[in-house]
Amino acid sequence: MVRKDVEIVPIIQFGERLRFIRKSKGLSMEKLSELTSFEYSQISRIELGQINTSIDTVFKLAKALGISPKELFDFEIK
C-alpha cells in the first residue's frame, strides 16, 4: 500500500546522500550493516529510497558513520 501523502523525492535524496557518505568513508553496505545491526537489505532499501526511515534509524546511521545526523540531510530538495 502506497501512502499518497508522502513526499518521495526527499526520501530518494536521503538515500542518495547516505550512499554518498557511506562510500566516501570507504564502507560497504555489509560493513555499515555490521556497525548498525541493521539488515543489509534494510540499508539497501534506504539507499534506494524504497522506505521512509525513522528518526531513530537516522541517528544510528549517523553514529555508525561518525557524522552528525544533519549531515545526512545536507541536500537541496529537487
Foldseek 3Di string as FASTA:
>chain_A
DDDPPDDQQLQQLLLCLLVVLCVVLVHDLVRLCVQQVNDSVVNVCSNRSNDDDDPVVLCSSCVSSVHHSVSSNPDDRD
